[in-house]
Amino acid sequence: MKQIITYIGLLILGLLAYACEPIEDRMELGNTITADQLDITATPVIINGKKSNKVVLDNKSPVLSSWDFGTGTTQKKTDTVLLVTTGTSEIIFTGLNPEGTKITKKVEVTVDELTFPVPLEWGYLTGGTERNWKWDETAPAVWGNGGYLGNSAPAWWTLKEADINGQAPGEGIGAKMTFSLRGARLTKVKSTGEKEEGAFSFDMTKVTKLDDGTVWAKGKLTTRGVTVLCGKSPNEGNAPVYEYDIMILNNEKMILSYAEPGAAAWGTAWFWVFRAE
């Protein structure tokens, strides 16, 4: 009987010891590498002999991946992304070593043509890298209100560039906005030198049409963390505006609009008129 009890005790101890053993395989940390040792490539897909804007990203290094291709990021070791401008672009790779250190390397990619469709507005806003926009002082008015779905620029209460400081100090003459392709960043620079930074995006599928099918606004521009110059709605207690209808956007001019909540045709909308520097 004593032998049976001893055996049972040993069996219990054995089971407890087994339960305490880790069941997963422990991965040994790999060697730390430097940026010069990275084995990464960014290769445009060739279409009809030309480098397209579809780019294959590939990381063969023993590090975790983070690719910043300008208008977005991906954490995949291998991925395919679309660039939005022709010419030479810079892709920034950040690798994470097993012990936690980060390494960064830049890769240049040249695109011959936008074979795969992307909104041309990326190029208009940023010029391929970054572009400054300011009030269009050549226009009859640069800011004010008018009729939603009726007007396409300030028409009722209108202000010129010289009057803007009365509504938004430092955001009139001498102020500008910088739209940067890298990270889709928007920087508002006041005439005092003060800067406000944020980001932007747009959706060109959000088209606003009139009853007869005519396009009134060809898309939406959204900002985050910062508004455009004098970006507010006076009838809503000067609330900041972060989403704008795109009336016109090309290499030279940008006209934006914002309709007050609940506005129907000819309800109150606000308009901004800018030009590229």
C-alpha atoms as a PDB file:
ATOM      1  CA  MET A   1       0.000   0.000   0.000  1.00  0.00           C
ATOM      2  CA  LYS A   2       2.875   2.347   0.869  1.00  0.00           C
ATOM      3  CA  GLN A   3       4.465   1.658  -2.540  1.00  0.00           C
ATOM      4  CA  ILE A   4       1.202   2.554  -4.320  1.00  0.00           C
ATOM      5  CA  ILE A   5       0.958   5.901  -2.491  1.00  0.00           C
ATOM      6  CA  THR A   6       4.594   6.669  -3.304  1.00  0.00           C
ATOM      7  CA  TYR A   7       3.993   5.881  -6.984  1.00  0.00           C
ATOM      8  CA  ILE A   8       0.908   8.101  -7.119  1.00  0.00           C
ATOM      9  CA  GLY A   9       2.860  10.937  -5.477  1.00  0.00           C
ATOM     10  CA  LEU A  10       5.672  10.659  -8.015  1.00  0.00           C
ATOM     11  CA  LEU A  11       3.126  10.620 -10.859  1.00  0.00           C
ATOM     12  CA  ILE A  12       1.485  13.840  -9.564  1.00  0.00           C
ATOM     13  CA  LEU A  13       4.882  15.554  -9.235  1.00  0.00           C
ATOM     14  CA  GLY A  14       5.730  14.507 -12.770  1.00  0.00           C
ATOM     15  CA  LEU A  15       2.496  15.938 -14.145  1.00  0.00           C
ATOM     16  CA  LEU A  16       3.057  19.207 -12.290  1.00  0.00           C
ATOM     17  CA  ALA A  17       6.583  19.473 -13.656  1.00  0.00           C
ATOM     18  CA  TYR A  18       5.314  18.847 -17.199  1.00  0.00           C
ATOM     19  CA  ALA A  19       2.597  21.492 -16.785  1.00  0.00           C
ATOM     20  CA  CYS A  20       5.244  24.058 -15.823  1.00  0.00           C
ATOM     21  CA  GLU A  21       7.292  23.435 -18.943  1.00  0.00           C
ATOM     22  CA  PRO A  22       6.613  25.901 -21.811  1.00  0.00           C
ATOM     23  CA  ILE A  23       4.939  24.157 -24.706  1.00  0.00           C
ATOM     24  CA  GLU A  24       5.842  26.748 -27.369  1.00  0.00           C
ATOM     25  CA  ASP A  25       9.110  26.742 -29.243  1.00  0.00           C
ATOM     26  CA  ARG A  26      11.290  29.656 -28.188  1.00  0.00           C
ATOM     27  CA  MET A  27      12.603  31.621 -31.178  1.00  0.00           C
ATOM     28  CA  GLU A  28      16.137  32.841 -30.786  1.00  0.00           C
ATOM     29  CA  LEU A  29      16.724  36.476 -31.611  1.00  0.00           C
ATOM     30  CA  GLY A  30      18.429  36.998 -34.940  1.00  0.00           C
ATOM     31  CA  ASN A  31      21.445  39.177 -35.532  1.00  0.00           C
ATOM     32  CA  THR A  32      21.004  42.931 -35.523  1.00  0.00           C
ATOM     33  CA  ILE A  33      21.685  44.495 -38.928  1.00  0.00           C
ATOM     34  CA  THR A  34      22.394  48.040 -40.074  1.00  0.00           C
ATOM     35  CA  ALA A  35      20.656  50.077 -42.748  1.00  0.00           C
ATOM     36  CA  ASP A  36      23.522  49.311 -45.150  1.00  0.00           C
ATOM     37  CA  GLN A  37      22.836  45.589 -44.747  1.00  0.00           C
ATOM     38  CA  LEU A  38      19.172  45.857 -45.701  1.00  0.00           C
ATOM     39  CA  ASP A  39      18.158  43.796 -48.720  1.00  0.00           C
ATOM     40  CA  ILE A  40      15.125  45.719 -50.001  1.00  0.00           C
ATOM     41  CA  THR A  41      13.847  46.630 -53.455  1.00  0.00           C
ATOM     42  CA  ALA A  42      11.098  48.778 -54.946  1.00  0.00           C
ATOM     43  CA  THR A  43      10.526  47.800 -58.558  1.00  0.00           C
ATOM     44  CA  PRO A  44       8.030  49.365 -60.982  1.00  0.00           C
ATOM     45  CA  VAL A  45       5.984  46.956 -63.078  1.00  0.00           C
ATOM     46  CA  ILE A  46       6.971  47.383 -66.739  1.00  0.00           C
ATOM     47  CA  ILE A  47       4.019  47.890 -69.090  1.00  0.00           C
ATOM     48  CA  ASN A  48       4.704  48.253 -72.828  1.00  0.00           C
ATOM     49  CA  GLY A  49       8.340  48.999 -72.125  1.00  0.00           C
ATOM     50  CA  LYS A  50       7.599  51.782 -69.645  1.00  0.00           C
ATOM     51  CA  LYS A  51       7.839  51.921 -65.869  1.00  0.00           C
ATOM     52  CA  SER A  52       4.276  52.024 -64.570  1.00  0.00           C
ATOM     53  CA  ASN A  53       3.054  53.483 -61.289  1.00  0.00           C
ATOM     54  CA  LYS A  54       2.441  49.992 -59.878  1.00  0.00           C
ATOM     55  CA  VAL A  55       5.463  49.234 -57.691  1.00  0.00           C
ATOM     56  CA  VAL A  56       6.446  45.932 -56.070  1.00  0.00           C
ATOM     57  CA  LEU A  57       8.010  46.317 -52.622  1.00  0.00           C
ATOM     58  CA  ASP A  58      10.152  43.452 -51.341  1.00  0.00           C
ATOM     59  CA  ASN A  59      12.082  43.031 -48.082  1.00  0.00           C
ATOM     60  CA  LYS A  60      14.414  40.031 -47.909  1.00  0.00           C
ATOM     61  CA  SER A  61      16.034  41.159 -44.663  1.00  0.00           C
ATOM     62  CA  PRO A  62      15.458  39.579 -41.201  1.00  0.00           C
ATOM     63  CA  VAL A  63      13.575  42.627 -39.896  1.00  0.00           C
ATOM     64  CA  LEU A  64       9.951  43.668 -39.621  1.00  0.00           C
ATOM     65  CA  SER A  65       8.801  45.983 -42.408  1.00  0.00           C
ATOM     66  CA  SER A  66       7.214  49.406 -42.664  1.00  0.00           C
ATOM     67  CA  TRP A  67       7.094  51.096 -46.076  1.00  0.00           C
ATOM     68  CA  ASP A  68       6.075  54.749 -46.489  1.00  0.00           C
ATOM     69  CA  PHE A  69       5.305  55.328 -50.174  1.00  0.00           C
ATOM     70  CA  GLY A  70       4.032  58.876 -49.822  1.00  0.00           C
ATOM     71  CA  THR A  71       0.285  58.585 -49.810  1.00  0.00           C
ATOM     72  CA  GLY A  72       0.146  55.525 -47.587  1.00  0.00           C
ATOM     73  CA  THR A  73       2.049  52.883 -45.650  1.00  0.00           C
ATOM     74  CA  THR A  74       2.225  49.097 -45.560  1.00  0.00           C
ATOM     75  CA  GLN A  75       3.761  46.713 -43.029  1.00  0.00           C
ATOM     76  CA  LYS A  76       4.004  43.723 -45.358  1.00  0.00           C
ATOM     77  CA  LYS A  77       7.372  42.222 -46.275  1.00  0.00           C
ATOM     78  CA  THR A  78       6.203  42.052 -49.885  1.00  0.00           C
ATOM     79  CA  ASP A  79       3.435  44.242 -51.258  1.00  0.00           C
ATOM     80  CA  THR A  80       2.300  46.020 -54.419  1.00  0.00           C
ATOM     81  CA  VAL A  81       1.344  49.696 -54.195  1.00  0.00           C
ATOM     82  CA  LEU A  82       0.306  52.486 -56.556  1.00  0.00           C
ATOM     83  CA  LEU A  83       2.279  55.711 -56.820  1.00  0.00           C
ATOM     84  CA  VAL A  84       0.302  58.770 -57.824  1.00  0.00           C
ATOM     85  CA  THR A  85       2.788  60.903 -59.771  1.00  0.00           C
ATOM     86  CA  THR A  86       5.274  60.436 -62.591  1.00  0.00           C
ATOM     87  CA  GLY A  87       8.983  61.154 -62.216  1.00  0.00           C
ATOM     88  CA  THR A  88      11.222  60.107 -59.353  1.00  0.00           C
ATOM     89  CA  SER A  89       9.638  59.366 -55.981  1.00  0.00           C
ATOM     90  CA  GLU A  90      11.232  58.418 -52.687  1.00  0.00           C
ATOM     91  CA  ILE A  91      10.029  55.442 -50.671  1.00  0.00           C
ATOM     92  CA  ILE A  92      11.108  55.266 -47.037  1.00  0.00           C
ATOM     93  CA  PHE A  93      11.627  51.840 -45.464  1.00  0.00           C
ATOM     94  CA  THR A  94      11.811  51.412 -41.690  1.00  0.00           C
ATOM     95  CA  GLY A  95      12.943  48.051 -40.361  1.00  0.00           C
ATOM     96  CA  LEU A  96      12.615  46.758 -36.812  1.00  0.00           C
ATOM     97  CA  ASN A  97      15.468  44.551 -35.600  1.00  0.00           C
ATOM     98  CA  PRO A  98      14.657  41.572 -33.325  1.00  0.00           C
ATOM     99  CA  GLU A  99      15.999  43.396 -30.267  1.00  0.00           C
ATOM    100  CA  GLY A 100      13.923  46.507 -30.975  1.00  0.00           C
ATOM    101  CA  THR A 101      16.222  48.949 -32.758  1.00  0.00           C
ATOM    102  CA  LYS A 102      14.933  50.693 -35.895  1.00  0.00           C
ATOM    103  CA  ILE A 103      16.808  51.251 -39.135  1.00  0.00           C
ATOM    104  CA  THR A 104      15.742  53.433 -42.052  1.00  0.00           C
ATOM    105  CA  LYS A 105      16.661  53.485 -45.710  1.00  0.00           C
ATOM    106  CA  LYS A 106      15.356  55.479 -48.681  1.00  0.00           C
ATOM    107  CA  VAL A 107      14.737  53.941 -52.090  1.00  0.00           C
ATOM    108  CA  GLU A 108      14.149  55.993 -55.234  1.00  0.00           C
ATOM    109  CA  VAL A 109      11.655  54.834 -57.856  1.00  0.00           C
ATOM    110  CA  THR A 110      11.086  56.363 -61.287  1.00  0.00           C
ATOM    111  CA  VAL A 111       7.641  56.231 -62.892  1.00  0.00           C
ATOM    112  CA  ASP A 112       7.312  56.897 -66.635  1.00  0.00           C
ATOM    113  CA  GLU A 113       3.530  57.056 -66.830  1.00  0.00           C
ATOM    114  CA  LEU A 114       0.404  56.579 -64.727  1.00  0.00           C
ATOM    115  CA  THR A 115      -0.601  53.337 -66.404  1.00  0.00           C
ATOM    116  CA  PHE A 116      -2.899  52.425 -63.524  1.00  0.00           C
ATOM    117  CA  PRO A 117      -5.539  55.092 -62.791  1.00  0.00           C
ATOM    118  CA  VAL A 118      -5.077  57.365 -59.783  1.00  0.00           C
ATOM    119  CA  PRO A 119      -6.735  60.719 -59.069  1.00  0.00           C
ATOM    120  CA  LEU A 120      -4.872  63.455 -60.949  1.00  0.00           C
ATOM    121  CA  GLU A 121      -5.663  65.697 -57.995  1.00  0.00           C
ATOM    122  CA  TRP A 122      -2.662  64.265 -56.129  1.00  0.00           C
ATOM    123  CA  GLY A 123      -0.409  65.841 -58.731  1.00  0.00           C
ATOM    124  CA  TYR A 124      -2.409  69.065 -58.873  1.00  0.00           C
ATOM    125  CA  LEU A 125      -2.333  69.616 -55.120  1.00  0.00           C
ATOM    126  CA  THR A 126       1.276  68.599 -54.469  1.00  0.00           C
ATOM    127  CA  GLY A 127       3.082  69.159 -57.757  1.00  0.00           C
ATOM    128  CA  GLY A 128       4.555  65.676 -57.303  1.00  0.00           C
ATOM    129  CA  THR A 129       6.346  66.616 -54.059  1.00  0.00           C
ATOM    130  CA  GLU A 130       4.843  69.676 -52.412  1.00  0.00           C
ATOM    131  CA  ARG A 131       3.099  72.811 -53.597  1.00  0.00           C
ATOM    132  CA  ASN A 132       2.059  76.091 -52.008  1.00  0.00           C
ATOM    133  CA  TRP A 133      -1.430  77.495 -52.400  1.00  0.00           C
ATOM    134  CA  LYS A 134      -2.604  80.997 -51.472  1.00  0.00           C
ATOM    135  CA  TRP A 135      -5.658  83.179 -51.912  1.00  0.00           C
ATOM    136  CA  ASP A 136      -6.336  84.001 -55.563  1.00  0.00           C
ATOM    137  CA  GLU A 137      -6.079  87.763 -55.356  1.00  0.00           C
ATOM    138  CA  THR A 138      -6.979  88.006 -59.065  1.00  0.00           C
ATOM    139  CA  ALA A 139     -10.510  86.720 -58.370  1.00  0.00           C
ATOM    140  CA  PRO A 140     -13.424  89.118 -57.651  1.00  0.00           C
ATOM    141  CA  ALA A 141     -13.641  87.592 -54.147  1.00  0.00           C
ATOM    142  CA  VAL A 142     -11.672  84.902 -52.333  1.00  0.00           C
ATOM    143  CA  TRP A 143     -14.059  83.943 -49.521  1.00  0.00           C
ATOM    144  CA  GLY A 144     -17.703  84.355 -48.657  1.00  0.00           C
ATOM    145  CA  ASN A 145     -21.067  82.697 -49.069  1.00  0.00           C
ATOM    146  CA  GLY A 146     -23.474  81.940 -51.872  1.00  0.00           C
ATOM    147  CA  GLY A 147     -26.093  79.461 -52.968  1.00  0.00           C
ATOM    148  CA  TYR A 148     -25.548  75.743 -52.504  1.00  0.00           C
ATOM    149  CA  LEU A 149     -25.941  73.986 -55.878  1.00  0.00           C
ATOM    150  CA  GLY A 150     -26.455  77.436 -57.394  1.00  0.00           C
ATOM    151  CA  ASN A 151     -23.240  79.430 -57.213  1.00  0.00           C
ATOM    152  CA  SER A 152     -19.696  78.194 -57.813  1.00  0.00           C
ATOM    153  CA  ALA A 153     -17.838  81.013 -56.010  1.00  0.00           C
ATOM    154  CA  PRO A 154     -18.582  83.653 -53.324  1.00  0.00           C
ATOM    155  CA  ALA A 155     -21.674  85.567 -54.481  1.00  0.00           C
ATOM    156  CA  TRP A 156     -23.607  87.086 -51.566  1.00  0.00           C
ATOM    157  CA  TRP A 157     -21.384  88.298 -48.741  1.00  0.00           C
ATOM    158  CA  THR A 158     -17.905  88.406 -50.306  1.00  0.00           C
ATOM    159  CA  LEU A 159     -14.419  89.315 -49.104  1.00  0.00           C
ATOM    160  CA  LYS A 160     -11.151  90.049 -50.863  1.00  0.00           C
ATOM    161  CA  GLU A 161      -7.768  88.838 -49.644  1.00  0.00           C
ATOM    162  CA  ALA A 162      -7.097  92.120 -47.788  1.00  0.00           C
ATOM    163  CA  ASP A 163     -10.256  91.596 -45.701  1.00  0.00           C
ATOM    164  CA  ILE A 164      -9.539  88.060 -44.502  1.00  0.00           C
ATOM    165  CA  ASN A 165      -7.518  89.046 -41.416  1.00  0.00           C
ATOM    166  CA  GLY A 166     -10.698  90.555 -39.980  1.00  0.00           C
ATOM    167  CA  GLN A 167     -12.225  87.068 -39.995  1.00  0.00           C
ATOM    168  CA  ALA A 168      -9.131  84.935 -39.374  1.00  0.00           C
ATOM    169  CA  PRO A 169      -6.103  86.885 -38.074  1.00  0.00           C
ATOM    170  CA  GLY A 170      -2.892  86.027 -39.891  1.00  0.00           C
ATOM    171  CA  GLU A 171      -4.657  84.058 -42.622  1.00  0.00           C
ATOM    172  CA  GLY A 172      -5.037  86.805 -45.216  1.00  0.00           C
ATOM    173  CA  ILE A 173      -2.287  88.495 -47.237  1.00  0.00           C
ATOM    174  CA  GLY A 174       1.003  86.605 -46.875  1.00  0.00           C
ATOM    175  CA  ALA A 175      -0.576  83.375 -45.632  1.00  0.00           C
ATOM    176  CA  LYS A 176      -0.350  80.094 -47.538  1.00  0.00           C
ATOM    177  CA  MET A 177      -0.995  76.365 -47.425  1.00  0.00           C
ATOM    178  CA  THR A 178       1.545  73.694 -48.311  1.00  0.00           C
ATOM    179  CA  PHE A 179       0.192  70.370 -49.584  1.00  0.00           C
ATOM    180  CA  SER A 180       2.902  67.685 -49.363  1.00  0.00           C
ATOM    181  CA  LEU A 181       2.742  64.322 -51.094  1.00  0.00           C
ATOM    182  CA  ARG A 182       4.889  62.674 -48.414  1.00  0.00           C
ATOM    183  CA  GLY A 183       2.420  61.511 -45.801  1.00  0.00           C
ATOM    184  CA  ALA A 184      -0.351  63.590 -47.415  1.00  0.00           C
ATOM    185  CA  ARG A 185       0.554  66.444 -45.075  1.00  0.00           C
ATOM    186  CA  LEU A 186      -1.091  69.869 -44.996  1.00  0.00           C
ATOM    187  CA  THR A 187       0.682  72.793 -43.374  1.00  0.00           C
ATOM    188  CA  LYS A 188      -1.045  76.154 -42.920  1.00  0.00           C
ATOM    189  CA  VAL A 189       1.459  78.999 -42.644  1.00  0.00           C
ATOM    190  CA  LYS A 190       0.083  82.267 -41.306  1.00  0.00           C
ATOM    191  CA  SER A 191       1.477  85.670 -42.261  1.00  0.00           C
ATOM    192  CA  THR A 192       3.045  85.796 -38.795  1.00  0.00           C
ATOM    193  CA  GLY A 193       5.061  82.649 -39.517  1.00  0.00           C
ATOM    194  CA  GLU A 194       2.935  80.533 -37.179  1.00  0.00           C
ATOM    195  CA  LYS A 195       2.314  77.033 -38.532  1.00  0.00           C
ATOM    196  CA  GLU A 196      -0.520  74.588 -38.080  1.00  0.00           C
ATOM    197  CA  GLU A 197       0.038  71.049 -39.337  1.00  0.00           C
ATOM    198  CA  GLY A 198      -2.287  68.209 -40.217  1.00  0.00           C
ATOM    199  CA  ALA A 199      -3.146  65.893 -43.075  1.00  0.00           C
ATOM    200  CA  PHE A 200      -5.467  65.726 -46.049  1.00  0.00           C
ATOM    201  CA  SER A 201      -7.223  63.209 -48.251  1.00  0.00           C
ATOM    202  CA  PHE A 202      -9.805  63.327 -50.984  1.00  0.00           C
ATOM    203  CA  ASP A 203     -12.429  61.116 -52.513  1.00  0.00           C
ATOM    204  CA  MET A 204     -13.153  61.837 -56.158  1.00  0.00           C
ATOM    205  CA  THR A 205     -16.028  59.341 -56.179  1.00  0.00           C
ATOM    206  CA  LYS A 206     -18.168  61.714 -54.079  1.00  0.00           C
ATOM    207  CA  VAL A 207     -19.531  63.726 -56.992  1.00  0.00           C
ATOM    208  CA  THR A 208     -22.383  66.202 -56.450  1.00  0.00           C
ATOM    209  CA  LYS A 209     -24.729  66.644 -59.412  1.00  0.00           C
ATOM    210  CA  LEU A 210     -27.583  68.971 -60.199  1.00  0.00           C
ATOM    211  CA  ASP A 211     -31.041  67.644 -61.118  1.00  0.00           C
ATOM    212  CA  ASP A 212     -30.141  67.795 -64.818  1.00  0.00           C
ATOM    213  CA  GLY A 213     -27.050  65.648 -64.286  1.00  0.00           C
ATOM    214  CA  THR A 214     -24.560  68.504 -64.481  1.00  0.00           C
ATOM    215  CA  VAL A 215     -21.593  68.092 -62.134  1.00  0.00           C
ATOM    216  CA  TRP A 216     -21.590  70.847 -59.513  1.00  0.00           C
ATOM    217  CA  ALA A 217     -18.726  69.456 -57.381  1.00  0.00           C
ATOM    218  CA  LYS A 218     -16.341  66.788 -58.616  1.00  0.00           C
ATOM    219  CA  GLY A 219     -15.195  65.349 -55.286  1.00  0.00           C
ATOM    220  CA  LYS A 220     -14.512  65.893 -51.593  1.00  0.00           C
ATOM    221  CA  LEU A 221     -11.385  67.221 -49.887  1.00  0.00           C
ATOM    222  CA  THR A 222     -11.014  66.292 -46.220  1.00  0.00           C
ATOM    223  CA  THR A 223      -8.465  67.788 -43.832  1.00  0.00           C
ATOM    224  CA  ARG A 224      -7.467  66.485 -40.407  1.00  0.00           C
ATOM    225  CA  GLY A 225      -5.940  68.501 -37.604  1.00  0.00           C
ATOM    226  CA  VAL A 226      -5.980  71.722 -39.616  1.00  0.00           C
ATOM    227  CA  THR A 227      -8.403  73.617 -41.853  1.00  0.00           C
ATOM    228  CA  VAL A 228      -7.709  75.521 -45.037  1.00  0.00           C
ATOM    229  CA  LEU A 229      -7.133  79.270 -44.705  1.00  0.00           C
ATOM    230  CA  CYS A 230     -10.098  80.882 -42.940  1.00  0.00           C
ATOM    231  CA  GLY A 231     -11.668  77.437 -42.757  1.00  0.00           C
ATOM    232  CA  LYS A 232     -14.723  78.142 -40.656  1.00  0.00           C
ATOM    233  CA  SER A 233     -18.499  78.435 -40.824  1.00  0.00           C
ATOM    234  CA  PRO A 234     -19.621  81.834 -39.404  1.00  0.00           C
ATOM    235  CA  ASN A 235     -23.284  80.861 -39.041  1.00  0.00           C
ATOM    236  CA  GLU A 236     -22.255  77.909 -36.876  1.00  0.00           C
ATOM    237  CA  GLY A 237     -20.322  79.956 -34.336  1.00  0.00           C
ATOM    238  CA  ASN A 238     -17.189  79.952 -36.524  1.00  0.00           C
ATOM    239  CA  ALA A 239     -16.958  76.185 -36.218  1.00  0.00           C
ATOM    240  CA  PRO A 240     -13.950  74.736 -38.079  1.00  0.00           C
ATOM    241  CA  VAL A 241     -14.666  73.106 -41.426  1.00  0.00           C
ATOM    242  CA  TYR A 242     -12.793  69.914 -42.315  1.00  0.00           C
ATOM    243  CA  GLU A 243     -14.716  68.597 -45.340  1.00  0.00           C
ATOM    244  CA  TYR A 244     -15.060  70.569 -48.570  1.00  0.00           C
ATOM    245  CA  ASP A 245     -16.715  70.055 -51.927  1.00  0.00           C
ATOM    246  CA  ILE A 246     -14.179  70.419 -54.744  1.00  0.00           C
ATOM    247  CA  MET A 247     -15.619  72.795 -57.323  1.00  0.00           C
ATOM    248  CA  ILE A 248     -12.422  73.318 -59.328  1.00  0.00           C
ATOM    249  CA  LEU A 249      -8.981  71.795 -58.874  1.00  0.00           C
ATOM    250  CA  ASN A 250      -6.294  71.935 -61.540  1.00  0.00           C
ATOM    251  CA  ASN A 251      -2.667  73.006 -61.803  1.00  0.00           C
ATOM    252  CA  GLU A 252      -3.570  76.655 -61.322  1.00  0.00           C
ATOM    253  CA  LYS A 253      -6.791  77.092 -59.360  1.00  0.00           C
ATOM    254  CA  MET A 254      -8.726  75.519 -56.501  1.00  0.00           C
ATOM    255  CA  ILE A 255     -12.261  76.491 -55.472  1.00  0.00           C
ATOM    256  CA  LEU A 256     -13.791  74.720 -52.474  1.00  0.00           C
ATOM    257  CA  SER A 257     -17.250  74.876 -50.936  1.00  0.00           C
ATOM    258  CA  TYR A 258     -18.997  73.850 -47.739  1.00  0.00           C
ATOM    259  CA  ALA A 259     -22.772  73.638 -47.388  1.00  0.00           C
ATOM    260  CA  GLU A 260     -24.301  74.398 -44.007  1.00  0.00           C
ATOM    261  CA  PRO A 261     -26.123  71.405 -42.449  1.00  0.00           C
ATOM    262  CA  GLY A 262     -29.517  70.799 -44.030  1.00  0.00           C
ATOM    263  CA  ALA A 263     -28.895  73.168 -46.930  1.00  0.00           C
ATOM    264  CA  ALA A 264     -30.997  72.437 -50.015  1.00  0.00           C
ATOM    265  CA  ALA A 265     -30.629  74.092 -53.406  1.00  0.00           C
ATOM    266  CA  TRP A 266     -29.789  77.774 -52.907  1.00  0.00           C
ATOM    267  CA  GLY A 267     -29.295  77.270 -49.192  1.00  0.00           C
ATOM    268  CA  THR A 268     -26.210  78.832 -47.627  1.00  0.00           C
ATOM    269  CA  ALA A 269     -22.815  77.521 -48.684  1.00  0.00           C
ATOM    270  CA  TRP A 270     -19.342  78.967 -48.118  1.00  0.00           C
ATOM    271  CA  PHE A 271     -16.663  79.235 -50.802  1.00  0.00           C
ATOM    272  CA  TRP A 272     -12.859  79.484 -50.855  1.00  0.00           C
ATOM    273  CA  VAL A 273     -10.867  80.586 -53.918  1.00  0.00           C
ATOM    274  CA  PHE A 274      -7.133  79.747 -54.071  1.00  0.00           C
ATOM    275  CA  ARG A 275      -4.365  79.690 -56.653  1.00  0.00           C
ATOM    276  CA  ALA A 276      -1.097  77.754 -56.852  1.00  0.00           C
ATOM    277  CA  GLU A 277       2.107  79.699 -56.252  1.00  0.00           C
END
